[in-house]
């Protein structure tokens, strides 16, 4: 039997080492994201608009810009942001329609630059045009104080938060795909290719679509070998997170014409990563009009909007956000307990094995 050259052994060992580090790095990135999102339904780094009979937002909102609310609706209907954090945090102006009410259900608001007149008895901030922000439905003790001065915790460092989230997004965008997307019976399918734990990375490229026809083999030819996608639903196994890297969807719609009302299972561990480096320059729209859009969205440098009447169900981190009708549903992005900011024990074992192999290959004497 021919001996494997030592340099080949070293290269093989280094490949194992790199794969282990990449696996641990992806877990570290999503674990960091879980901590950074801070329980908010929406974190927008720019201006944000809710319109088109938008209904309610189930979770808390944080906007580093102006927030414009058209019509009457309720914020943080199901969940606040947690102790010491405002459920409505707007660093710019709060714009409301004349005579319309925006009500906070849970928690309190921090609106340091909002204009208007505060009435502590009715817990209302009345704008000059008669639009009203009201905390009358909130039982939080801070809800009855002027939202322009009340602050349960120190303001965020928005620049630092943006840097951290952009770093996570770029790291995931650069990760190699370990899973594959296909079609079966007009349903989009996700194959983890034998992986049973950790982060599985998928790539969804707009260039692989011709309407709802999907080029599953990626040969660039749309023929009888391709299939139509009608439905989107993903069932994520326990102890796993699915990351879908979105590619070339700038100015386009994710899941355009595809029904996502059947959510699947455990979508709180589904993350759509939308980075400009992957061809996502221009506004990216979430979902078929009137359908659901399931999973959280990480797009700190991209302008995001929902399809008309589409109800996103997850957490959204966006450069700016526009909501056109439908409710904004809250589903907290979570990671399995095995995920941590350091490689899990199994990864350390593979790294150690790879290191030993490198040392043995380098130290073993050559034969004459």
Foldseek 3Di string as FASTA:
>chain_A
DDDDALVVLLVVLVVLLVVLVLLLVLLLLLVVVLVLLQFAQEAAAEEEEEDAAAEEACFAYAYAYEYEYEAEYEFNNNHASDAQAASYEYAEEYHYDAQYEYEYQEGAAAHQHYDADADLVQLWGADPRGYIYHDNNYPDPQSSDDNNPDGSDDDDPSVVSLVSLLVSLVSLLPRDAQWAWADDPLEIAIGNPPDDAGEGEAEDEPLQDDQQWGVRVPPSDRDPVIDGHAEYEYADDPRYAYEYEYAQQAVHEDCENHAYQPHHPDLLRYEYRYEVVRNHAHEYEYDYAQHEGTHEYRAQPHEYEYHAQYEYEDHYHHNYYYYHHHYHHYDRNDHHPQRDNGRGPVSVVSSVVSVVSNVCSVPDDDDD
